[in-house]
N, C-alpha and C. Protein backbone atom coordinates (compact mmCIF):
# COMPACT_ATOMS: atom_id res chain seq x y z
N MET A 1 -96.69 -68.06 68.85
CA MET A 1 -96.17 -69.08 69.73
C MET A 1 -96.49 -68.72 71.18
N GLU A 2 -96.97 -69.70 71.93
CA GLU A 2 -97.40 -69.46 73.30
C GLU A 2 -96.19 -69.36 74.23
N GLU A 3 -96.24 -68.41 75.16
CA GLU A 3 -95.14 -68.20 76.09
C GLU A 3 -95.11 -69.31 77.12
N LYS A 4 -93.91 -69.80 77.43
CA LYS A 4 -93.76 -70.82 78.46
C LYS A 4 -94.09 -70.21 79.82
N ALA A 5 -94.62 -71.05 80.71
CA ALA A 5 -94.98 -70.59 82.05
C ALA A 5 -93.75 -70.04 82.78
N SER A 6 -92.59 -70.68 82.59
CA SER A 6 -91.38 -70.23 83.27
C SER A 6 -90.94 -68.86 82.76
N ASP A 7 -91.12 -68.62 81.45
CA ASP A 7 -90.76 -67.31 80.88
C ASP A 7 -91.69 -66.22 81.39
N CYS A 8 -92.97 -66.55 81.49
CA CYS A 8 -93.95 -65.59 82.01
C CYS A 8 -93.65 -65.27 83.46
N ARG A 9 -93.33 -66.30 84.24
CA ARG A 9 -93.00 -66.10 85.66
C ARG A 9 -91.79 -65.19 85.80
N GLN A 10 -90.78 -65.42 84.97
CA GLN A 10 -89.57 -64.60 85.03
C GLN A 10 -89.87 -63.15 84.66
N ARG A 11 -90.73 -62.95 83.69
CA ARG A 11 -91.10 -61.59 83.28
C ARG A 11 -91.81 -60.87 84.42
N ILE A 12 -92.65 -61.60 85.14
CA ILE A 12 -93.36 -61.02 86.28
C ILE A 12 -92.38 -60.65 87.39
N VAL A 13 -91.44 -61.55 87.69
CA VAL A 13 -90.46 -61.28 88.74
C VAL A 13 -89.60 -60.07 88.39
N THR A 14 -89.18 -59.98 87.14
CA THR A 14 -88.37 -58.85 86.70
C THR A 14 -89.14 -57.53 86.83
N ALA A 15 -90.39 -57.55 86.41
CA ALA A 15 -91.23 -56.34 86.52
C ALA A 15 -91.47 -55.99 87.99
N ALA A 16 -91.71 -57.00 88.81
CA ALA A 16 -91.97 -56.77 90.23
C ALA A 16 -90.75 -56.16 90.91
N LEU A 17 -89.57 -56.62 90.55
CA LEU A 17 -88.35 -56.05 91.12
C LEU A 17 -88.28 -54.56 90.82
N GLU A 18 -88.54 -54.18 89.58
CA GLU A 18 -88.51 -52.76 89.21
C GLU A 18 -89.54 -51.96 89.99
N VAL A 19 -90.76 -52.50 90.08
CA VAL A 19 -91.85 -51.77 90.74
C VAL A 19 -91.61 -51.66 92.25
N PHE A 20 -91.17 -52.76 92.88
CA PHE A 20 -90.90 -52.71 94.31
C PHE A 20 -89.77 -51.73 94.62
N ARG A 21 -88.77 -51.67 93.76
CA ARG A 21 -87.68 -50.72 93.98
C ARG A 21 -88.16 -49.28 93.86
N GLU A 22 -89.09 -49.06 92.94
CA GLU A 22 -89.61 -47.70 92.74
C GLU A 22 -90.58 -47.28 93.83
N CYS A 23 -91.45 -48.20 94.24
CA CYS A 23 -92.58 -47.84 95.10
C CYS A 23 -92.57 -48.48 96.48
N GLY A 24 -91.65 -49.43 96.71
CA GLY A 24 -91.66 -50.12 97.98
C GLY A 24 -92.70 -51.23 98.01
N TYR A 25 -92.87 -51.83 99.18
CA TYR A 25 -93.77 -52.98 99.30
C TYR A 25 -95.23 -52.60 99.06
N ARG A 26 -95.57 -51.35 99.24
CA ARG A 26 -96.97 -50.92 99.05
C ARG A 26 -97.37 -50.88 97.57
N ALA A 27 -96.43 -51.11 96.69
CA ALA A 27 -96.74 -51.12 95.25
C ALA A 27 -97.87 -52.09 94.97
N SER A 28 -98.76 -51.71 94.07
CA SER A 28 -99.91 -52.56 93.79
C SER A 28 -99.56 -53.67 92.81
N VAL A 29 -100.28 -54.78 92.96
CA VAL A 29 -100.12 -55.90 92.04
C VAL A 29 -100.54 -55.46 90.63
N ASP A 30 -101.51 -54.56 90.55
CA ASP A 30 -101.95 -54.05 89.25
C ASP A 30 -100.80 -53.35 88.52
N ARG A 31 -99.99 -52.61 89.28
CA ARG A 31 -98.86 -51.92 88.66
C ARG A 31 -97.82 -52.92 88.15
N VAL A 32 -97.59 -53.98 88.92
CA VAL A 32 -96.67 -55.03 88.49
C VAL A 32 -97.20 -55.69 87.22
N ALA A 33 -98.51 -55.98 87.20
CA ALA A 33 -99.12 -56.61 86.03
C ALA A 33 -98.97 -55.73 84.79
N GLN A 34 -99.19 -54.44 84.97
CA GLN A 34 -99.05 -53.51 83.85
C GLN A 34 -97.62 -53.49 83.33
N ARG A 35 -96.64 -53.46 84.25
CA ARG A 35 -95.24 -53.42 83.86
C ARG A 35 -94.83 -54.72 83.16
N ALA A 36 -95.39 -55.84 83.62
CA ALA A 36 -95.04 -57.14 83.03
C ALA A 36 -95.82 -57.42 81.75
N GLY A 37 -96.88 -56.64 81.51
CA GLY A 37 -97.70 -56.87 80.33
C GLY A 37 -98.57 -58.11 80.44
N VAL A 38 -99.05 -58.37 81.67
CA VAL A 38 -99.92 -59.52 81.91
C VAL A 38 -101.16 -59.08 82.68
N ALA A 39 -102.13 -59.96 82.74
CA ALA A 39 -103.33 -59.68 83.54
C ALA A 39 -103.02 -59.90 85.02
N ARG A 40 -103.73 -59.20 85.87
CA ARG A 40 -103.56 -59.35 87.32
C ARG A 40 -103.69 -60.81 87.73
N GLN A 41 -104.67 -61.51 87.16
CA GLN A 41 -104.89 -62.91 87.52
C GLN A 41 -103.71 -63.80 87.14
N THR A 42 -103.00 -63.42 86.09
CA THR A 42 -101.81 -64.19 85.68
C THR A 42 -100.78 -64.18 86.80
N ILE A 43 -100.64 -63.04 87.46
CA ILE A 43 -99.69 -62.96 88.59
C ILE A 43 -100.12 -63.92 89.69
N TYR A 44 -101.43 -63.92 89.99
CA TYR A 44 -101.91 -64.81 91.06
C TYR A 44 -101.90 -66.27 90.65
N ASN A 45 -101.83 -66.55 89.36
CA ASN A 45 -101.68 -67.93 88.92
C ASN A 45 -100.28 -68.45 89.25
N HIS A 46 -99.31 -67.53 89.30
CA HIS A 46 -97.93 -67.91 89.59
C HIS A 46 -97.56 -67.71 91.06
N PHE A 47 -98.16 -66.69 91.68
CA PHE A 47 -97.83 -66.33 93.06
C PHE A 47 -99.13 -66.14 93.83
N THR A 48 -99.27 -66.83 94.95
CA THR A 48 -100.56 -66.82 95.66
C THR A 48 -100.87 -65.50 96.36
N SER A 49 -99.85 -64.67 96.59
CA SER A 49 -100.07 -63.38 97.25
C SER A 49 -98.94 -62.43 96.90
N LYS A 50 -99.14 -61.18 97.25
CA LYS A 50 -98.09 -60.19 97.00
C LYS A 50 -96.84 -60.52 97.81
N SER A 51 -97.01 -61.01 99.04
CA SER A 51 -95.84 -61.33 99.86
C SER A 51 -95.05 -62.49 99.26
N VAL A 52 -95.73 -63.46 98.64
CA VAL A 52 -95.04 -64.57 97.98
C VAL A 52 -94.26 -64.04 96.76
N LEU A 53 -94.87 -63.12 96.02
CA LEU A 53 -94.19 -62.49 94.88
C LEU A 53 -92.97 -61.73 95.36
N PHE A 54 -93.12 -60.96 96.41
CA PHE A 54 -92.00 -60.19 96.95
C PHE A 54 -90.87 -61.11 97.38
N SER A 55 -91.23 -62.21 98.03
CA SER A 55 -90.23 -63.19 98.47
C SER A 55 -89.47 -63.76 97.28
N ALA A 56 -90.19 -64.05 96.19
CA ALA A 56 -89.54 -64.59 94.98
C ALA A 56 -88.58 -63.57 94.39
N VAL A 57 -88.98 -62.31 94.38
CA VAL A 57 -88.12 -61.23 93.88
C VAL A 57 -86.85 -61.15 94.72
N LEU A 58 -87.02 -61.20 96.01
CA LEU A 58 -85.90 -61.10 96.93
C LEU A 58 -84.95 -62.28 96.76
N GLN A 59 -85.50 -63.48 96.67
CA GLN A 59 -84.67 -64.67 96.51
C GLN A 59 -83.85 -64.60 95.23
N GLU A 60 -84.47 -64.14 94.17
CA GLU A 60 -83.75 -64.07 92.89
C GLU A 60 -82.63 -63.04 92.95
N GLY A 61 -82.91 -61.89 93.55
CA GLY A 61 -81.89 -60.86 93.66
C GLY A 61 -80.71 -61.32 94.50
N CYS A 62 -81.00 -61.99 95.60
CA CYS A 62 -79.93 -62.47 96.48
C CYS A 62 -79.16 -63.60 95.83
N ALA A 63 -79.85 -64.45 95.09
CA ALA A 63 -79.18 -65.55 94.41
C ALA A 63 -78.16 -65.02 93.41
N ALA A 64 -78.49 -63.90 92.77
CA ALA A 64 -77.55 -63.30 91.80
C ALA A 64 -76.26 -62.88 92.49
N HIS A 65 -76.37 -62.30 93.70
CA HIS A 65 -75.18 -61.92 94.46
C HIS A 65 -74.34 -63.14 94.79
N ARG A 66 -75.02 -64.17 95.30
CA ARG A 66 -74.29 -65.36 95.73
C ARG A 66 -73.64 -66.05 94.54
N GLU A 67 -74.26 -65.99 93.39
CA GLU A 67 -73.68 -66.59 92.19
C GLU A 67 -72.37 -65.90 91.82
N ARG A 68 -72.31 -64.58 92.00
CA ARG A 68 -71.07 -63.83 91.72
C ARG A 68 -69.93 -64.37 92.57
N LEU A 69 -70.23 -64.69 93.82
CA LEU A 69 -69.21 -65.15 94.74
C LEU A 69 -68.72 -66.55 94.36
N VAL A 70 -69.61 -67.40 93.92
CA VAL A 70 -69.26 -68.78 93.60
C VAL A 70 -68.51 -68.89 92.29
N THR A 71 -68.91 -68.10 91.28
CA THR A 71 -68.35 -68.27 89.94
C THR A 71 -67.02 -67.55 89.73
N CYS A 72 -66.68 -66.60 90.57
CA CYS A 72 -65.45 -65.86 90.38
C CYS A 72 -64.24 -66.72 90.76
N GLU A 73 -63.18 -66.59 89.96
CA GLU A 73 -61.96 -67.34 90.22
C GLU A 73 -60.82 -66.38 90.52
N GLY A 74 -59.67 -66.93 90.89
CA GLY A 74 -58.50 -66.10 91.17
C GLY A 74 -58.16 -66.12 92.64
N ALA A 75 -57.24 -65.21 93.02
CA ALA A 75 -56.83 -65.09 94.41
C ALA A 75 -58.02 -64.67 95.27
N LEU A 76 -57.97 -65.03 96.54
CA LEU A 76 -59.07 -64.73 97.45
C LEU A 76 -59.40 -63.24 97.47
N ALA A 77 -58.39 -62.39 97.49
CA ALA A 77 -58.64 -60.94 97.52
C ALA A 77 -59.44 -60.49 96.30
N GLU A 78 -59.13 -61.04 95.14
CA GLU A 78 -59.86 -60.67 93.92
C GLU A 78 -61.27 -61.24 93.92
N ARG A 79 -61.45 -62.44 94.45
CA ARG A 79 -62.79 -63.03 94.54
C ARG A 79 -63.66 -62.20 95.48
N LEU A 80 -63.09 -61.78 96.59
CA LEU A 80 -63.84 -60.95 97.54
C LEU A 80 -64.15 -59.58 96.95
N LEU A 81 -63.21 -59.02 96.20
CA LEU A 81 -63.46 -57.72 95.56
C LEU A 81 -64.58 -57.84 94.53
N HIS A 82 -64.56 -58.89 93.74
CA HIS A 82 -65.60 -59.13 92.74
C HIS A 82 -66.97 -59.19 93.41
N PHE A 83 -67.06 -59.94 94.50
CA PHE A 83 -68.31 -60.06 95.25
C PHE A 83 -68.72 -58.72 95.84
N ALA A 84 -67.76 -58.02 96.45
CA ALA A 84 -68.06 -56.75 97.11
C ALA A 84 -68.55 -55.71 96.11
N LEU A 85 -67.93 -55.66 94.94
CA LEU A 85 -68.37 -54.71 93.91
C LEU A 85 -69.81 -54.98 93.48
N GLY A 86 -70.13 -56.26 93.30
CA GLY A 86 -71.50 -56.61 92.93
C GLY A 86 -72.50 -56.27 94.01
N LEU A 87 -72.13 -56.54 95.25
CA LEU A 87 -73.02 -56.25 96.37
C LEU A 87 -73.25 -54.75 96.51
N GLN A 88 -72.16 -53.98 96.42
CA GLN A 88 -72.30 -52.53 96.51
C GLN A 88 -73.11 -51.96 95.35
N ALA A 89 -72.89 -52.51 94.16
CA ALA A 89 -73.62 -52.02 92.98
C ALA A 89 -75.12 -52.21 93.13
N ASN A 90 -75.50 -53.23 93.88
CA ASN A 90 -76.93 -53.48 94.08
C ASN A 90 -77.48 -52.75 95.30
N LEU A 91 -76.72 -52.73 96.39
CA LEU A 91 -77.25 -52.20 97.64
C LEU A 91 -77.07 -50.70 97.82
N LEU A 92 -76.16 -50.09 97.07
CA LEU A 92 -75.86 -48.68 97.29
C LEU A 92 -76.41 -47.78 96.20
N THR A 93 -77.44 -48.24 95.50
CA THR A 93 -78.09 -47.41 94.49
C THR A 93 -79.22 -46.61 95.15
N PRO A 94 -79.63 -45.50 94.56
CA PRO A 94 -80.75 -44.74 95.13
C PRO A 94 -82.02 -45.57 95.30
N THR A 95 -82.33 -46.43 94.31
CA THR A 95 -83.56 -47.22 94.43
C THR A 95 -83.44 -48.25 95.56
N SER A 96 -82.26 -48.85 95.72
CA SER A 96 -82.08 -49.82 96.81
C SER A 96 -82.12 -49.15 98.18
N ILE A 97 -81.54 -47.97 98.27
CA ILE A 97 -81.59 -47.23 99.54
C ILE A 97 -83.04 -46.86 99.86
N ASN A 98 -83.77 -46.44 98.85
CA ASN A 98 -85.18 -46.11 99.06
C ASN A 98 -85.96 -47.34 99.51
N LEU A 99 -85.70 -48.48 98.88
CA LEU A 99 -86.38 -49.72 99.26
C LEU A 99 -86.00 -50.11 100.69
N HIS A 100 -84.74 -49.93 101.04
CA HIS A 100 -84.29 -50.22 102.40
C HIS A 100 -85.06 -49.37 103.42
N ARG A 101 -85.19 -48.09 103.13
CA ARG A 101 -85.95 -47.20 104.03
C ARG A 101 -87.39 -47.68 104.19
N LEU A 102 -88.01 -48.01 103.04
CA LEU A 102 -89.41 -48.43 103.08
C LEU A 102 -89.59 -49.74 103.83
N LEU A 103 -88.69 -50.70 103.60
CA LEU A 103 -88.80 -51.99 104.29
C LEU A 103 -88.58 -51.84 105.78
N THR A 104 -87.63 -50.99 106.16
CA THR A 104 -87.38 -50.76 107.58
C THR A 104 -88.61 -50.14 108.22
N HIS A 105 -89.23 -49.20 107.51
CA HIS A 105 -90.43 -48.54 108.02
C HIS A 105 -91.59 -49.53 108.17
N GLU A 106 -91.70 -50.49 107.25
CA GLU A 106 -92.83 -51.42 107.24
C GLU A 106 -92.58 -52.67 108.09
N ALA A 107 -91.38 -52.86 108.58
CA ALA A 107 -91.02 -54.12 109.27
C ALA A 107 -91.95 -54.43 110.44
N SER A 108 -92.28 -53.44 111.25
CA SER A 108 -93.14 -53.71 112.42
C SER A 108 -94.57 -54.04 112.01
N ARG A 109 -95.02 -53.53 110.87
CA ARG A 109 -96.38 -53.84 110.40
C ARG A 109 -96.45 -55.19 109.71
N PHE A 110 -95.33 -55.62 109.12
CA PHE A 110 -95.29 -56.88 108.39
C PHE A 110 -94.11 -57.72 108.90
N PRO A 111 -94.20 -58.23 110.13
CA PRO A 111 -93.06 -58.96 110.70
C PRO A 111 -92.68 -60.22 109.90
N GLU A 112 -93.67 -60.88 109.31
CA GLU A 112 -93.36 -62.07 108.52
C GLU A 112 -92.54 -61.68 107.28
N LEU A 113 -92.94 -60.61 106.64
CA LEU A 113 -92.20 -60.11 105.48
C LEU A 113 -90.80 -59.69 105.89
N ALA A 114 -90.68 -59.00 107.02
CA ALA A 114 -89.37 -58.58 107.50
C ALA A 114 -88.48 -59.80 107.73
N GLY A 115 -89.07 -60.86 108.28
CA GLY A 115 -88.32 -62.09 108.50
C GLY A 115 -87.83 -62.69 107.19
N GLN A 116 -88.68 -62.65 106.17
CA GLN A 116 -88.28 -63.16 104.85
C GLN A 116 -87.14 -62.34 104.26
N VAL A 117 -87.23 -61.02 104.40
CA VAL A 117 -86.18 -60.14 103.89
C VAL A 117 -84.87 -60.48 104.57
N TYR A 118 -84.91 -60.64 105.89
CA TYR A 118 -83.68 -60.93 106.62
C TYR A 118 -83.14 -62.31 106.24
N ALA A 119 -84.01 -63.32 106.23
CA ALA A 119 -83.56 -64.69 105.95
C ALA A 119 -83.04 -64.84 104.52
N ASN A 120 -83.78 -64.31 103.55
CA ASN A 120 -83.41 -64.49 102.14
C ASN A 120 -82.35 -63.50 101.67
N GLY A 121 -82.20 -62.40 102.38
CA GLY A 121 -81.23 -61.39 101.98
C GLY A 121 -79.98 -61.45 102.83
N VAL A 122 -80.06 -60.84 103.99
CA VAL A 122 -78.90 -60.70 104.86
C VAL A 122 -78.32 -62.05 105.26
N GLU A 123 -79.15 -62.92 105.81
CA GLU A 123 -78.66 -64.18 106.36
C GLU A 123 -78.17 -65.13 105.27
N ALA A 124 -78.91 -65.25 104.18
CA ALA A 124 -78.50 -66.17 103.11
C ALA A 124 -77.19 -65.72 102.48
N THR A 125 -77.01 -64.42 102.30
CA THR A 125 -75.77 -63.91 101.74
C THR A 125 -74.61 -64.17 102.70
N ALA A 126 -74.84 -63.96 103.99
CA ALA A 126 -73.79 -64.20 104.98
C ALA A 126 -73.41 -65.69 105.03
N GLN A 127 -74.40 -66.56 104.93
CA GLN A 127 -74.13 -68.00 104.96
C GLN A 127 -73.31 -68.42 103.74
N GLN A 128 -73.67 -67.88 102.58
CA GLN A 128 -72.92 -68.21 101.36
C GLN A 128 -71.48 -67.73 101.46
N LEU A 129 -71.30 -66.52 101.94
CA LEU A 129 -69.96 -65.98 102.11
C LEU A 129 -69.19 -66.78 103.15
N ALA A 130 -69.87 -67.19 104.22
CA ALA A 130 -69.22 -67.99 105.26
C ALA A 130 -68.69 -69.30 104.69
N ALA A 131 -69.44 -69.90 103.77
CA ALA A 131 -68.99 -71.15 103.15
C ALA A 131 -67.71 -70.92 102.34
N VAL A 132 -67.65 -69.80 101.63
CA VAL A 132 -66.45 -69.47 100.85
C VAL A 132 -65.27 -69.22 101.78
N LEU A 133 -65.50 -68.49 102.87
CA LEU A 133 -64.43 -68.21 103.82
C LEU A 133 -63.98 -69.47 104.55
N ALA A 134 -64.92 -70.36 104.87
CA ALA A 134 -64.57 -71.63 105.52
C ALA A 134 -63.65 -72.44 104.62
N LYS A 135 -63.95 -72.46 103.33
CA LYS A 135 -63.10 -73.18 102.38
C LYS A 135 -61.72 -72.54 102.32
N ALA A 136 -61.67 -71.21 102.34
CA ALA A 136 -60.38 -70.50 102.32
C ALA A 136 -59.58 -70.83 103.59
N MET A 137 -60.26 -70.99 104.71
CA MET A 137 -59.59 -71.37 105.96
C MET A 137 -59.05 -72.79 105.86
N THR A 138 -59.85 -73.68 105.30
CA THR A 138 -59.42 -75.08 105.13
C THR A 138 -58.23 -75.17 104.17
N ASN A 139 -58.23 -74.33 103.13
CA ASN A 139 -57.16 -74.34 102.13
C ASN A 139 -55.91 -73.59 102.56
N GLY A 140 -55.95 -72.99 103.74
CA GLY A 140 -54.77 -72.27 104.23
C GLY A 140 -54.64 -70.85 103.72
N GLU A 141 -55.70 -70.30 103.12
CA GLU A 141 -55.66 -68.91 102.64
C GLU A 141 -55.95 -67.93 103.78
N LEU A 142 -56.68 -68.40 104.79
CA LEU A 142 -57.00 -67.60 105.98
C LEU A 142 -56.75 -68.47 107.21
N ARG A 143 -56.52 -67.83 108.34
CA ARG A 143 -56.35 -68.61 109.57
C ARG A 143 -57.72 -69.17 109.99
N GLU A 144 -57.66 -70.29 110.70
CA GLU A 144 -58.89 -70.93 111.17
C GLU A 144 -59.59 -70.03 112.18
N ASP A 145 -60.89 -69.86 111.99
CA ASP A 145 -61.71 -69.05 112.89
C ASP A 145 -63.17 -69.37 112.57
N ASP A 146 -64.08 -68.66 113.18
CA ASP A 146 -65.51 -68.84 112.93
C ASP A 146 -65.85 -68.19 111.58
N PRO A 147 -66.15 -68.98 110.54
CA PRO A 147 -66.38 -68.39 109.22
C PRO A 147 -67.64 -67.52 109.17
N LYS A 148 -68.65 -67.84 109.97
CA LYS A 148 -69.87 -67.01 109.96
C LYS A 148 -69.58 -65.63 110.55
N LEU A 149 -68.81 -65.59 111.63
CA LEU A 149 -68.42 -64.31 112.20
C LEU A 149 -67.58 -63.52 111.21
N ALA A 150 -66.66 -64.19 110.53
CA ALA A 150 -65.83 -63.53 109.52
C ALA A 150 -66.69 -62.96 108.41
N ALA A 151 -67.70 -63.71 107.98
CA ALA A 151 -68.60 -63.23 106.92
C ALA A 151 -69.38 -62.00 107.38
N ASP A 152 -69.87 -62.03 108.62
CA ASP A 152 -70.61 -60.88 109.15
C ASP A 152 -69.72 -59.64 109.20
N ILE A 153 -68.48 -59.83 109.63
CA ILE A 153 -67.54 -58.71 109.71
C ILE A 153 -67.26 -58.17 108.30
N PHE A 154 -67.02 -59.07 107.34
CA PHE A 154 -66.73 -58.63 105.98
C PHE A 154 -67.90 -57.81 105.41
N LEU A 155 -69.12 -58.30 105.59
CA LEU A 155 -70.28 -57.58 105.07
C LEU A 155 -70.42 -56.21 105.72
N ASP A 156 -70.15 -56.13 107.02
CA ASP A 156 -70.19 -54.83 107.69
C ASP A 156 -69.14 -53.89 107.12
N VAL A 157 -67.95 -54.41 106.89
CA VAL A 157 -66.84 -53.60 106.40
C VAL A 157 -67.12 -53.04 105.01
N ILE A 158 -67.73 -53.84 104.13
CA ILE A 158 -67.87 -53.38 102.75
C ILE A 158 -69.18 -52.66 102.45
N VAL A 159 -70.19 -52.78 103.35
CA VAL A 159 -71.48 -52.19 103.02
C VAL A 159 -72.01 -51.22 104.07
N SER A 160 -71.91 -51.59 105.35
CA SER A 160 -72.66 -50.86 106.39
C SER A 160 -72.37 -49.37 106.45
N HIS A 161 -71.10 -48.98 106.46
CA HIS A 161 -70.77 -47.56 106.58
C HIS A 161 -71.30 -46.76 105.39
N ASP A 162 -71.09 -47.29 104.19
CA ASP A 162 -71.54 -46.58 102.99
C ASP A 162 -73.06 -46.48 102.94
N ARG A 163 -73.73 -47.56 103.34
CA ARG A 163 -75.20 -47.51 103.34
C ARG A 163 -75.70 -46.48 104.35
N GLN A 164 -75.05 -46.41 105.51
CA GLN A 164 -75.44 -45.40 106.50
C GLN A 164 -75.28 -43.99 105.93
N ARG A 165 -74.19 -43.75 105.24
CA ARG A 165 -73.99 -42.44 104.62
C ARG A 165 -75.15 -42.11 103.68
N LEU A 166 -75.50 -43.07 102.83
CA LEU A 166 -76.56 -42.82 101.85
C LEU A 166 -77.93 -42.68 102.51
N LEU A 167 -78.17 -43.44 103.56
CA LEU A 167 -79.45 -43.32 104.27
C LEU A 167 -79.64 -41.93 104.86
N PHE A 168 -78.51 -41.30 105.22
CA PHE A 168 -78.58 -39.94 105.76
C PHE A 168 -78.24 -38.89 104.70
N CYS A 169 -78.38 -39.30 103.43
CA CYS A 169 -78.23 -38.39 102.29
C CYS A 169 -76.84 -37.76 102.19
N MET A 170 -75.84 -38.50 102.63
CA MET A 170 -74.45 -38.05 102.49
C MET A 170 -73.85 -38.77 101.29
N PRO A 171 -73.12 -38.06 100.43
CA PRO A 171 -72.59 -38.69 99.22
C PRO A 171 -71.42 -39.62 99.51
N LEU A 172 -71.21 -40.57 98.61
CA LEU A 172 -70.03 -41.42 98.68
C LEU A 172 -68.90 -40.75 97.89
N ALA A 173 -67.72 -41.31 98.01
CA ALA A 173 -66.57 -40.79 97.26
C ALA A 173 -66.77 -41.03 95.77
N GLU A 174 -65.98 -40.36 94.94
CA GLU A 174 -66.01 -40.61 93.50
C GLU A 174 -65.64 -42.06 93.23
N ALA A 175 -66.00 -42.57 92.06
CA ALA A 175 -65.87 -43.99 91.76
C ALA A 175 -64.48 -44.56 92.01
N GLU A 176 -63.44 -43.87 91.52
CA GLU A 176 -62.08 -44.38 91.69
C GLU A 176 -61.67 -44.40 93.15
N ALA A 177 -62.00 -43.34 93.88
CA ALA A 177 -61.68 -43.29 95.31
C ALA A 177 -62.46 -44.35 96.07
N GLN A 178 -63.71 -44.57 95.67
CA GLN A 178 -64.54 -45.59 96.31
C GLN A 178 -63.94 -46.98 96.09
N LEU A 179 -63.44 -47.23 94.89
CA LEU A 179 -62.82 -48.51 94.59
C LEU A 179 -61.56 -48.71 95.44
N GLN A 180 -60.74 -47.68 95.55
CA GLN A 180 -59.53 -47.79 96.36
C GLN A 180 -59.87 -48.02 97.83
N LEU A 181 -60.91 -47.35 98.30
CA LEU A 181 -61.36 -47.55 99.68
C LEU A 181 -61.83 -48.99 99.89
N LEU A 182 -62.54 -49.51 98.93
CA LEU A 182 -63.02 -50.90 99.02
C LEU A 182 -61.84 -51.87 99.06
N ARG A 183 -60.85 -51.63 98.21
CA ARG A 183 -59.65 -52.48 98.23
C ARG A 183 -58.94 -52.42 99.59
N ARG A 184 -58.86 -51.23 100.16
CA ARG A 184 -58.21 -51.09 101.47
C ARG A 184 -59.01 -51.80 102.55
N ARG A 185 -60.33 -51.73 102.49
CA ARG A 185 -61.15 -52.43 103.47
C ARG A 185 -60.95 -53.93 103.39
N ILE A 186 -60.88 -54.45 102.18
CA ILE A 186 -60.65 -55.89 102.00
C ILE A 186 -59.26 -56.26 102.50
N GLU A 187 -58.30 -55.40 102.25
CA GLU A 187 -56.93 -55.64 102.73
C GLU A 187 -56.90 -55.72 104.25
N VAL A 188 -57.61 -54.81 104.91
CA VAL A 188 -57.68 -54.81 106.38
C VAL A 188 -58.34 -56.10 106.87
N PHE A 189 -59.43 -56.50 106.21
CA PHE A 189 -60.12 -57.73 106.58
C PHE A 189 -59.17 -58.93 106.45
N LEU A 190 -58.49 -59.02 105.33
CA LEU A 190 -57.58 -60.15 105.10
C LEU A 190 -56.41 -60.13 106.08
N ARG A 191 -55.95 -58.95 106.44
CA ARG A 191 -54.87 -58.85 107.41
C ARG A 191 -55.33 -59.39 108.77
N ALA A 192 -56.57 -59.11 109.13
CA ALA A 192 -57.11 -59.60 110.40
C ALA A 192 -57.19 -61.12 110.44
N TYR A 193 -57.36 -61.74 109.29
CA TYR A 193 -57.53 -63.20 109.24
C TYR A 193 -56.34 -63.91 108.60
N ARG A 194 -55.23 -63.21 108.42
CA ARG A 194 -54.08 -63.86 107.80
C ARG A 194 -53.47 -64.89 108.76
N ILE A 195 -52.78 -65.84 108.18
CA ILE A 195 -52.11 -66.87 108.97
C ILE A 195 -50.79 -66.30 109.47
N GLU A 196 -50.59 -66.36 110.80
CA GLU A 196 -49.35 -65.81 111.39
C GLU A 196 -48.19 -66.77 111.14
């Protein structure tokens, strides 16, 4: 039975994600093709260039994060914790930290790619979170304020410090302590935006 084009495309994106995480943006298309079990030309039939493939990988990864935020139910604190755990699980792994280092290093050489990373990763995630926080403000769960600023602050609170530690090869706390720290950070964030 012949593979559907959409299934083949997904297999390529999945393989590319693994390879880019291992090797950074300099990873060869040949290596992605080998990992996906397809010919090099098959990749170019789906993606016109390596940067287009990388962008597709990035969009899919970020969409998965945003989906976690949208599909989770319950109290706002639990929805935010669910989102934060997913974000940390993806961004605070050794492969993600390595990819972050490589992308930061390559940003000046590939400004268009850097722009895609920022737009599809950081900015899109912040916009999605801002929409959730805006709804919480409208529903009376949080006080009225700038939801985009609130989203930026939340993302800094749950990711930035830990990522800095890992970038400088400093370990994070054990899993249970890390979870409690994350809950406390969310509590502080919610306290800052609570309705007086």
